[in-house]
PDB file of N, CA and C in Angstrom:
ATOM      1  N   UNK A   1      97.144 136.643   9.881  1.00  0.00           N
ATOM      2  CA  UNK A   1      97.819 135.366   9.784  1.00  0.00           C
ATOM      3  C   UNK A   1      99.234 135.593   9.265  1.00  0.00           C
ATOM      4  N   UNK A   2     100.182 134.951   9.890  1.00  0.00           N
ATOM      5  CA  UNK A   2     101.582 135.050   9.496  1.00  0.00           C
ATOM      6  C   UNK A   2     101.806 134.232   8.213  1.00  0.00           C
ATOM      7  N   UNK A   3     102.308 134.873   7.163  1.00  0.00           N
ATOM      8  CA  UNK A   3     102.533 134.172   5.888  1.00  0.00           C
ATOM      9  C   UNK A   3     103.998 134.126   5.476  1.00  0.00           C
ATOM     10  N   UNK A   4     104.879 134.798   6.228  1.00  0.00           N
ATOM     11  CA  UNK A   4     106.288 134.779   5.868  1.00  0.00           C
ATOM     12  C   UNK A   4     107.132 135.598   6.827  1.00  0.00           C
ATOM     13  N   UNK A   5     108.435 135.615   6.535  1.00  0.00           N
ATOM     14  CA  UNK A   5     109.407 136.295   7.385  1.00  0.00           C
ATOM     15  C   UNK A   5     110.432 137.014   6.521  1.00  0.00           C
ATOM     16  N   UNK A   6     111.079 138.020   7.117  1.00  0.00           N
ATOM     17  CA  UNK A   6     112.171 138.733   6.459  1.00  0.00           C
ATOM     18  C   UNK A   6     113.383 138.644   7.391  1.00  0.00           C
ATOM     19  N   UNK A   7     114.540 138.253   6.832  1.00  0.00           N
ATOM     20  CA  UNK A   7     115.741 138.120   7.656  1.00  0.00           C
ATOM     21  C   UNK A   7     116.518 139.431   7.732  1.00  0.00           C
ATOM     22  N   UNK A   8     117.652 139.402   8.396  1.00  0.00           N
ATOM     23  CA  UNK A   8     118.474 140.604   8.592  1.00  0.00           C
ATOM     24  C   UNK A   8     118.939 141.240   7.288  1.00  0.00           C
ATOM     25  N   UNK A   9     119.081 140.434   6.243  1.00  0.00           N
ATOM     26  CA  UNK A   9     119.542 140.934   4.939  1.00  0.00           C
ATOM     27  C   UNK A   9     118.398 141.419   4.056  1.00  0.00           C
ATOM     28  N   UNK A  10     117.159 141.299   4.537  1.00  0.00           N
ATOM     29  CA  UNK A  10     116.005 141.736   3.753  1.00  0.00           C
ATOM     30  C   UNK A  10     115.453 140.670   2.832  1.00  0.00           C
ATOM     31  N   UNK A  11     115.929 139.438   2.958  1.00  0.00           N
ATOM     32  CA  UNK A  11     115.420 138.336   2.142  1.00  0.00           C
ATOM     33  C   UNK A  11     114.089 137.853   2.698  1.00  0.00           C
ATOM     34  N   UNK A  12     113.145 137.580   1.808  1.00  0.00           N
ATOM     35  CA  UNK A  12     111.804 137.140   2.189  1.00  0.00           C
ATOM     36  C   UNK A  12     111.714 135.626   2.077  1.00  0.00           C
ATOM     37  N   UNK A  13     111.059 135.005   3.073  1.00  0.00           N
ATOM     38  CA  UNK A  13     110.881 133.559   3.099  1.00  0.00           C
ATOM     39  C   UNK A  13     109.443 133.211   3.452  1.00  0.00           C
ATOM     40  N   UNK A  14     108.896 132.199   2.798  1.00  0.00           N
ATOM     41  CA  UNK A  14     107.582 131.681   3.175  1.00  0.00           C
ATOM     42  C   UNK A  14     107.740 130.953   4.513  1.00  0.00           C
ATOM     43  N   UNK A  15     106.638 130.637   5.160  1.00  0.00           N
ATOM     44  CA  UNK A  15     106.720 129.990   6.476  1.00  0.00           C
ATOM     45  C   UNK A  15     107.374 128.616   6.396  1.00  0.00           C
ATOM     46  N   UNK A  16     107.164 127.897   5.314  1.00  0.00           N
ATOM     47  CA  UNK A  16     107.764 126.570   5.170  1.00  0.00           C
ATOM     48  C   UNK A  16     109.284 126.660   5.072  1.00  0.00           C
ATOM     49  N   UNK A  17     109.796 127.551   4.253  1.00  0.00           N
ATOM     50  CA  UNK A  17     111.248 127.692   4.108  1.00  0.00           C
ATOM     51  C   UNK A  17     111.877 128.274   5.367  1.00  0.00           C
ATOM     52  N   UNK A  18     111.178 129.151   6.085  1.00  0.00           N
ATOM     53  CA  UNK A  18     111.747 129.733   7.293  1.00  0.00           C
ATOM     54  C   UNK A  18     111.979 128.672   8.363  1.00  0.00           C
ATOM     55  N   UNK A  19     111.156 127.650   8.429  1.00  0.00           N
ATOM     56  CA  UNK A  19     111.331 126.585   9.418  1.00  0.00           C
ATOM     57  C   UNK A  19     112.716 125.966   9.312  1.00  0.00           C
ATOM     58  N   UNK A  20     113.221 125.824   8.101  1.00  0.00           N
ATOM     59  CA  UNK A  20     114.561 125.271   7.904  1.00  0.00           C
ATOM     60  C   UNK A  20     115.635 126.251   8.362  1.00  0.00           C
ATOM     61  N   UNK A  21     115.403 127.546   8.189  1.00  0.00           N
ATOM     62  CA  UNK A  21     116.358 128.569   8.614  1.00  0.00           C
ATOM     63  C   UNK A  21     116.331 128.720  10.128  1.00  0.00           C
ATOM     64  N   UNK A  22     115.156 128.570  10.741  1.00  0.00           N
ATOM     65  CA  UNK A  22     115.012 128.767  12.181  1.00  0.00           C
ATOM     66  C   UNK A  22     115.836 127.755  12.968  1.00  0.00           C
ATOM     67  N   UNK A  23     116.015 126.576  12.421  1.00  0.00           N
ATOM     68  CA  UNK A  23     116.782 125.571  13.147  1.00  0.00           C
ATOM     69  C   UNK A  23     118.253 125.952  13.252  1.00  0.00           C
ATOM     70  N   UNK A  24     118.712 126.861  12.403  1.00  0.00           N
ATOM     71  CA  UNK A  24     120.110 127.284  12.461  1.00  0.00           C
ATOM     72  C   UNK A  24     120.322 128.406  13.468  1.00  0.00           C
ATOM     73  N   UNK A  25     119.242 128.865  14.110  1.00  0.00           N
ATOM     74  CA  UNK A  25     119.354 129.880  15.149  1.00  0.00           C
ATOM     75  C   UNK A  25     119.154 131.303  14.686  1.00  0.00           C
ATOM     76  N   UNK A  26     118.895 131.517  13.418  1.00  0.00           N
ATOM     77  CA  UNK A  26     118.683 132.874  12.917  1.00  0.00           C
ATOM     78  C   UNK A  26     117.259 133.329  13.207  1.00  0.00           C
ATOM     79  N   UNK A  27     117.101 134.587  13.635  1.00  0.00           N
ATOM     80  CA  UNK A  27     115.788 135.123  13.972  1.00  0.00           C
ATOM     81  C   UNK A  27     115.334 136.127  12.913  1.00  0.00           C
ATOM     82  N   UNK A  28     114.020 136.188  12.644  1.00  0.00           N
ATOM     83  CA  UNK A  28     113.527 137.147  11.656  1.00  0.00           C
ATOM     84  C   UNK A  28     113.549 138.574  12.205  1.00  0.00           C
ATOM     85  N   UNK A  29     113.652 139.532  11.323  1.00  0.00           N
ATOM     86  CA  UNK A  29     113.548 140.945  11.674  1.00  0.00           C
ATOM     87  C   UNK A  29     112.097 141.407  11.588  1.00  0.00           C
ATOM     88  N   UNK A  30     111.371 140.879  10.607  1.00  0.00           N
ATOM     89  CA  UNK A  30     109.984 141.262  10.360  1.00  0.00           C
ATOM     90  C   UNK A  30     109.147 140.026  10.103  1.00  0.00           C
ATOM     91  N   UNK A  31     107.858 140.153  10.394  1.00  0.00           N
ATOM     92  CA  UNK A  31     106.883 139.113  10.075  1.00  0.00           C
ATOM     93  C   UNK A  31     105.950 139.685   9.019  1.00  0.00           C
ATOM     94  N   UNK A  32     105.649 138.895   7.999  1.00  0.00           N
ATOM     95  CA  UNK A  32     104.720 139.308   6.942  1.00  0.00           C
ATOM     96  C   UNK A  32     103.339 138.794   7.312  1.00  0.00           C
ATOM     97  N   UNK A  33     102.348 139.688   7.308  1.00  0.00           N
ATOM     98  CA  UNK A  33     101.013 139.376   7.799  1.00  0.00           C
ATOM     99  C   UNK A  33      99.981 139.550   6.695  1.00  0.00           C
ATOM    100  N   UNK A  34      98.976 138.683   6.681  1.00  0.00           N
ATOM    101  CA  UNK A  34      97.931 138.773   5.669  1.00  0.00           C
ATOM    102  C   UNK A  34      96.622 139.294   6.238  1.00  0.00           C
ATOM    103  N   UNK A  35      96.590 139.707   7.494  1.00  0.00           N
ATOM    104  CA  UNK A  35      95.358 140.178   8.129  1.00  0.00           C
ATOM    105  C   UNK A  35      94.845 141.439   7.455  1.00  0.00           C
ATOM    106  N   UNK A  36      93.549 141.505   7.279  1.00  0.00           N
ATOM    107  CA  UNK A  36      92.904 142.678   6.696  1.00  0.00           C
ATOM    108  C   UNK A  36      92.553 143.631   7.823  1.00  0.00           C
ATOM    109  N   UNK A  37      93.138 144.822   7.808  1.00  0.00           N
ATOM    110  CA  UNK A  37      92.888 145.777   8.890  1.00  0.00           C
ATOM    111  C   UNK A  37      91.661 146.643   8.638  1.00  0.00           C
ATOM    112  N   UNK A  38      90.928 146.391   7.551  1.00  0.00           N
ATOM    113  CA  UNK A  38      89.691 147.104   7.280  1.00  0.00           C
ATOM    114  C   UNK A  38      89.839 148.392   6.493  1.00  0.00           C
ATOM    115  N   UNK A  39      91.056 148.807   6.207  1.00  0.00           N
ATOM    116  CA  UNK A  39      91.259 150.032   5.441  1.00  0.00           C
ATOM    117  C   UNK A  39      90.942 149.783   3.972  1.00  0.00           C
ATOM    118  N   UNK A  40      90.261 150.726   3.342  1.00  0.00           N
ATOM    119  CA  UNK A  40      89.849 150.567   1.949  1.00  0.00           C
ATOM    120  C   UNK A  40      91.019 150.566   0.981  1.00  0.00           C
ATOM    121  N   UNK A  41      92.103 151.263   1.313  1.00  0.00           N
ATOM    122  CA  UNK A  41      93.242 151.337   0.403  1.00  0.00           C
ATOM    123  C   UNK A  41      94.262 150.224   0.655  1.00  0.00           C
ATOM    124  N   UNK A  42      93.897 149.268   1.479  1.00  0.00           N
ATOM    125  CA  UNK A  42      94.791 148.151   1.781  1.00  0.00           C
ATOM    126  C   UNK A  42      94.892 147.241   0.556  1.00  0.00           C
ATOM    127  N   UNK A  43      96.096 146.837   0.181  1.00  0.00           N
ATOM    128  CA  UNK A  43      96.293 146.004  -0.999  1.00  0.00           C
ATOM    129  C   UNK A  43      97.306 144.911  -0.703  1.00  0.00           C
ATOM    130  N   UNK A  44      97.323 143.908  -1.556  1.00  0.00           N
ATOM    131  CA  UNK A  44      98.256 142.792  -1.394  1.00  0.00           C
ATOM    132  C   UNK A  44      99.617 143.139  -1.973  1.00  0.00           C
ATOM    133  N   UNK A  45     100.661 142.744  -1.273  1.00  0.00           N
ATOM    134  CA  UNK A  45     102.035 142.855  -1.753  1.00  0.00           C
ATOM    135  C   UNK A  45     102.483 141.432  -2.068  1.00  0.00           C
ATOM    136  N   UNK A  46     103.125 141.240  -3.186  1.00  0.00           N
ATOM    137  CA  UNK A  46     103.552 139.900  -3.582  1.00  0.00           C
ATOM    138  C   UNK A  46     105.055 139.910  -3.851  1.00  0.00           C
ATOM    139  N   UNK A  47     105.771 139.012  -3.171  1.00  0.00           N
ATOM    140  CA  UNK A  47     107.207 138.846  -3.372  1.00  0.00           C
ATOM    141  C   UNK A  47     107.513 137.368  -3.507  1.00  0.00           C
ATOM    142  N   UNK A  48     108.618 137.054  -4.138  1.00  0.00           N
ATOM    143  CA  UNK A  48     109.037 135.653  -4.273  1.00  0.00           C
ATOM    144  C   UNK A  48     109.834 135.229  -3.044  1.00  0.00           C
ATOM    145  N   UNK A  49     109.580 134.020  -2.572  1.00  0.00           N
ATOM    146  CA  UNK A  49     110.336 133.445  -1.461  1.00  0.00           C
ATOM    147  C   UNK A  49     111.779 133.213  -1.911  1.00  0.00           C
ATOM    148  N   UNK A  50     112.739 133.617  -1.097  1.00  0.00           N
ATOM    149  CA  UNK A  50     114.146 133.426  -1.430  1.00  0.00           C
ATOM    150  C   UNK A  50     114.567 131.962  -1.374  1.00  0.00           C
ATOM    151  N   UNK A  51     113.776 131.138  -0.692  1.00  0.00           N
ATOM    152  CA  UNK A  51     114.118 129.731  -0.566  1.00  0.00           C
ATOM    153  C   UNK A  51     113.579 128.856  -1.681  1.00  0.00           C
ATOM    154  N   UNK A  52     112.285 129.051  -2.031  1.00  0.00           N
ATOM    155  CA  UNK A  52     111.652 128.155  -3.009  1.00  0.00           C
ATOM    156  C   UNK A  52     111.026 128.893  -4.188  1.00  0.00           C
ATOM    157  N   UNK A  53     111.087 130.229  -4.181  1.00  0.00           N
ATOM    158  CA  UNK A  53     110.599 131.066  -5.275  1.00  0.00           C
ATOM    159  C   UNK A  53     109.074 131.081  -5.419  1.00  0.00           C
ATOM    160  N   UNK A  54     108.313 130.553  -4.443  1.00  0.00           N
ATOM    161  CA  UNK A  54     106.859 130.660  -4.496  1.00  0.00           C
ATOM    162  C   UNK A  54     106.449 132.073  -4.103  1.00  0.00           C
ATOM    163  N   UNK A  55     105.245 132.475  -4.472  1.00  0.00           N
ATOM    164  CA  UNK A  55     104.764 133.803  -4.155  1.00  0.00           C
ATOM    165  C   UNK A  55     104.337 133.893  -2.700  1.00  0.00           C
ATOM    166  N   UNK A  56     104.813 134.922  -2.015  1.00  0.00           N
ATOM    167  CA  UNK A  56     104.389 135.231  -0.653  1.00  0.00           C
ATOM    168  C   UNK A  56     103.530 136.482  -0.756  1.00  0.00           C
ATOM    169  N   UNK A  57     102.237 136.347  -0.443  1.00  0.00           N
ATOM    170  CA  UNK A  57     101.301 137.460  -0.548  1.00  0.00           C
ATOM    171  C   UNK A  57     100.970 137.965   0.848  1.00  0.00           C
ATOM    172  N   UNK A  58     101.201 139.257   1.084  1.00  0.00           N
ATOM    173  CA  UNK A  58     100.972 139.824   2.411  1.00  0.00           C
ATOM    174  C   UNK A  58     100.410 141.231   2.299  1.00  0.00           C
ATOM    175  N   UNK A  59      99.813 141.697   3.389  1.00  0.00           N
ATOM    176  CA  UNK A  59      99.218 143.034   3.431  1.00  0.00           C
ATOM    177  C   UNK A  59     100.040 144.001   4.270  1.00  0.00           C
ATOM    178  N   UNK A  60     100.743 143.485   5.276  1.00  0.00           N
ATOM    179  CA  UNK A  60     101.488 144.385   6.151  1.00  0.00           C
ATOM    180  C   UNK A  60     102.743 143.684   6.682  1.00  0.00           C
ATOM    181  N   UNK A  61     103.640 144.498   7.215  1.00  0.00           N
ATOM    182  CA  UNK A  61     104.895 144.004   7.780  1.00  0.00           C
ATOM    183  C   UNK A  61     104.926 144.423   9.245  1.00  0.00           C
ATOM    184  N   UNK A  62     105.186 143.461  10.131  1.00  0.00           N
ATOM    185  CA  UNK A  62     105.270 143.753  11.558  1.00  0.00           C
ATOM    186  C   UNK A  62     106.717 143.617  12.005  1.00  0.00           C
ATOM    187  N   UNK A  63     107.239 144.666  12.619  1.00  0.00           N
ATOM    188  CA  UNK A  63     108.611 144.676  13.096  1.00  0.00           C
ATOM    189  C   UNK A  63     108.663 143.955  14.440  1.00  0.00           C
ATOM    190  N   UNK A  64     109.645 143.076  14.595  1.00  0.00           N
ATOM    191  CA  UNK A  64     109.843 142.394  15.880  1.00  0.00           C
ATOM    192  C   UNK A  64     110.771 143.229  16.753  1.00  0.00           C
ATOM    193  N   UNK A  65     110.397 143.413  17.976  1.00  0.00           N
ATOM    194  CA  UNK A  65     111.224 144.226  18.884  1.00  0.00           C
ATOM    195  C   UNK A  65     112.067 143.359  19.778  1.00  0.00           C
TER     196      UNK A  65
END
């Protein structure tokens, strides 16, 4: 499940805050995903949203091509 985005500058945004940025035409570089891939050493990464400062918890980062 997509839980956030990272912009060109490396700033992290929750999905709610990204909706406001998307209307300005800016595209994300990475998508933050919470899917469990089944690996035992998989752990949660927690960062603050640059827009609202809420915690964005994710397991992996997917690069957009």
